[in-house]
């Protein structure tokens, strides 16, 4: 018996198995890194996002990290950090972090499954969809602030504006 089996009653599906089925159904490229971890590539409008989910049996938490490369010029760092704080004030189901050493913008979220609860396919799909929606919504704002020298206020206006019609 593995450590994760202690929290999964016989016959119930491991959270990473649910994630793998979700990725398979959508024909996403993925790699099962171990019993408790999976990494996949999810194509968005702006770019392909790296999404990793891992099951932590000790914490009873399914963790999601979605990343994209982000290496802003040093001159824009203050604007980026200001924008990050503003964006994170607006989102409730996760948050962005910048990892400068890895040159990554990161979306993190943890689904607590305390007391032996089991993740549902809807929860797993919702976690992944929420991460990609957040990345897609705020990606242009991060770009404008870093390279377009937009103020955080102006960058947020673009991210929050409703689009009308079609191009």
Protein backbone atom coordinates (compact mmCIF):
# COMPACT_ATOMS: atom_id res chain seq x y z
CA UNK A 1 0.00 0.00 0.00
CA UNK A 2 1.32 3.44 -0.93
CA UNK A 3 0.90 6.59 1.15
CA UNK A 4 -1.88 7.86 -1.13
CA UNK A 5 -3.82 4.61 -0.76
CA UNK A 6 -4.32 5.46 2.91
CA UNK A 7 -6.69 8.28 1.93
CA UNK A 8 -8.42 6.50 -0.94
CA UNK A 9 -10.90 3.80 0.06
CA UNK A 10 -10.81 0.69 -2.09
CA UNK A 11 -12.42 1.13 -5.49
CA UNK A 12 -12.32 4.94 -5.55
CA UNK A 13 -10.42 6.81 -8.24
CA UNK A 14 -7.08 8.48 -7.50
CA UNK A 15 -7.24 12.26 -8.20
CA UNK A 16 -4.42 12.06 -10.74
CA UNK A 17 -6.29 9.30 -12.59
CA UNK A 18 -9.17 11.77 -12.96
CA UNK A 19 -6.77 14.40 -14.31
CA UNK A 20 -5.29 11.88 -16.75
CA UNK A 21 -8.77 10.95 -18.04
CA UNK A 22 -9.57 14.67 -18.44
CA UNK A 23 -6.37 15.25 -20.44
CA UNK A 24 -6.99 12.16 -22.56
CA UNK A 25 -10.56 13.27 -23.37
CA UNK A 26 -9.23 16.61 -24.60
CA UNK A 27 -6.29 15.12 -26.52
CA UNK A 28 -3.78 17.18 -24.52
CA UNK A 29 -0.16 16.11 -24.44
CA UNK A 30 0.62 14.87 -20.95
CA UNK A 31 3.19 12.91 -18.99
CA UNK A 32 2.33 10.97 -15.87
CA UNK A 33 5.39 11.82 -13.77
CA UNK A 34 4.49 9.36 -11.05
CA UNK A 35 1.53 8.01 -9.17
CA UNK A 36 0.81 11.40 -7.61
CA UNK A 37 1.79 13.85 -10.38
CA UNK A 38 0.93 14.67 -13.97
CA UNK A 39 2.16 17.41 -16.32
CA UNK A 40 0.40 18.51 -19.47
CA UNK A 41 0.45 21.13 -22.19
CA UNK A 42 -2.77 23.09 -22.70
CA UNK A 43 -3.11 25.22 -25.80
CA UNK A 44 -4.60 28.65 -25.19
CA UNK A 45 -5.32 31.59 -27.43
CA UNK A 46 -2.11 33.41 -26.48
CA UNK A 47 0.24 30.47 -25.95
CA UNK A 48 0.62 26.91 -24.70
CA UNK A 49 0.51 26.65 -20.91
CA UNK A 50 2.32 24.06 -18.84
CA UNK A 51 -0.06 22.63 -16.26
CA UNK A 52 1.03 20.30 -13.46
CA UNK A 53 -1.24 18.72 -10.90
CA UNK A 54 0.01 16.76 -7.93
CA UNK A 55 -1.76 14.90 -5.16
CA UNK A 56 -0.36 15.42 -1.66
CA UNK A 57 -1.79 12.66 0.54
CA UNK A 58 -0.37 14.11 3.76
CA UNK A 59 -2.09 17.45 3.14
CA UNK A 60 -5.08 15.85 1.40
CA UNK A 61 -4.71 18.45 -1.32
CA UNK A 62 -4.74 18.39 -5.10
CA UNK A 63 -2.34 21.12 -6.19
CA UNK A 64 -2.34 22.81 -9.57
CA UNK A 65 0.42 24.94 -11.05
CA UNK A 66 0.00 26.50 -14.50
CA UNK A 67 2.95 28.38 -15.94
CA UNK A 68 4.13 30.36 -18.92
CA UNK A 69 7.52 31.86 -19.67
CA UNK A 70 7.86 35.43 -18.50
CA UNK A 71 11.12 37.36 -18.41
CA UNK A 72 10.32 41.07 -18.21
CA UNK A 73 12.97 43.71 -18.72
CA UNK A 74 14.35 45.06 -15.46
CA UNK A 75 12.93 48.49 -16.13
CA UNK A 76 9.39 47.14 -15.94
CA UNK A 77 9.73 45.08 -12.77
CA UNK A 78 8.06 47.59 -10.46
CA UNK A 79 5.07 47.83 -12.81
CA UNK A 80 4.81 44.04 -13.00
CA UNK A 81 4.86 43.60 -9.23
CA UNK A 82 2.23 46.32 -8.86
CA UNK A 83 0.10 44.63 -11.53
CA UNK A 84 0.49 41.22 -9.84
CA UNK A 85 -0.82 42.62 -6.56
CA UNK A 86 -3.79 44.22 -8.33
CA UNK A 87 -4.61 41.09 -10.31
CA UNK A 88 -4.44 38.88 -7.23
CA UNK A 89 -6.85 41.21 -5.45
CA UNK A 90 -9.34 40.48 -8.23
CA UNK A 91 -9.08 36.69 -8.39
CA UNK A 92 -10.35 34.44 -5.63
CA UNK A 93 -9.79 30.89 -6.86
CA UNK A 94 -6.01 30.92 -7.04
CA UNK A 95 -3.33 33.49 -7.60
CA UNK A 96 -0.44 34.53 -9.79
CA UNK A 97 3.18 34.51 -8.68
CA UNK A 98 6.30 35.42 -10.58
CA UNK A 99 9.28 33.11 -10.22
CA UNK A 100 12.19 35.23 -11.45
CA UNK A 101 14.83 32.49 -11.17
CA UNK A 102 12.82 30.21 -13.48
CA UNK A 103 11.52 33.13 -15.59
CA UNK A 104 7.94 31.91 -15.15
CA UNK A 105 4.58 33.46 -14.41
CA UNK A 106 2.75 30.94 -12.25
CA UNK A 107 -0.91 30.37 -11.39
CA UNK A 108 -1.32 28.30 -8.20
CA UNK A 109 -4.36 26.69 -6.68
CA UNK A 110 -4.97 23.94 -4.16
CA UNK A 111 -8.14 21.87 -3.83
CA UNK A 112 -8.49 20.70 -0.22
CA UNK A 113 -9.96 17.21 0.02
CA UNK A 114 -9.86 16.83 3.82
CA UNK A 115 -11.56 13.94 5.56
CA UNK A 116 -11.07 11.52 2.71
CA UNK A 117 -13.12 13.46 0.17
CA UNK A 118 -12.60 12.49 -3.45
CA UNK A 119 -12.16 14.96 -6.30
CA UNK A 120 -14.86 14.85 -8.95
CA UNK A 121 -14.22 15.14 -12.68
CA UNK A 122 -16.13 18.44 -12.59
CA UNK A 123 -13.84 19.83 -9.89
CA UNK A 124 -10.72 18.77 -11.78
CA UNK A 125 -12.02 20.20 -15.05
CA UNK A 126 -13.00 23.40 -13.26
CA UNK A 127 -9.56 23.80 -11.70
CA UNK A 128 -7.82 23.47 -15.04
CA UNK A 129 -10.32 25.67 -16.88
CA UNK A 130 -10.06 28.37 -14.22
CA UNK A 131 -6.25 28.39 -14.46
CA UNK A 132 -6.31 28.72 -18.24
CA UNK A 133 -9.04 31.40 -18.16
CA UNK A 134 -7.01 33.45 -15.68
CA UNK A 135 -3.81 33.08 -17.71
CA UNK A 136 -5.60 34.00 -20.94
CA UNK A 137 -7.38 36.95 -19.36
CA UNK A 138 -4.32 38.53 -17.78
CA UNK A 139 -1.57 37.48 -20.23
CA UNK A 140 -2.07 40.62 -22.39
CA UNK A 141 -1.95 42.83 -19.29
CA UNK A 142 1.35 41.29 -18.17
CA UNK A 143 2.76 41.76 -21.68
CA UNK A 144 1.58 45.38 -21.94
CA UNK A 145 3.01 46.23 -18.54
CA UNK A 146 6.36 44.54 -19.17
CA UNK A 147 7.12 45.45 -22.79
CA UNK A 148 4.51 48.00 -23.78
CA UNK A 149 5.31 50.14 -20.75
CA UNK A 150 1.61 50.47 -19.91
CA UNK A 151 0.72 51.44 -16.38
CA UNK A 152 -0.83 48.71 -14.24
CA UNK A 153 -4.15 50.62 -14.36
CA UNK A 154 -4.15 50.75 -18.17
CA UNK A 155 -3.10 47.10 -18.48
CA UNK A 156 -5.95 46.04 -16.17
CA UNK A 157 -8.45 48.07 -18.19
CA UNK A 158 -7.52 46.02 -21.24
CA UNK A 159 -7.77 42.74 -19.32
CA UNK A 160 -11.17 43.63 -17.90
CA UNK A 161 -12.73 45.19 -21.01
CA UNK A 162 -15.53 43.26 -22.65
CA UNK A 163 -15.01 42.59 -26.32
CA UNK A 164 -17.90 43.34 -28.66
CA UNK A 165 -18.27 42.03 -32.18
CA UNK A 166 -15.68 40.12 -34.17
CA UNK A 167 -12.46 41.02 -35.87
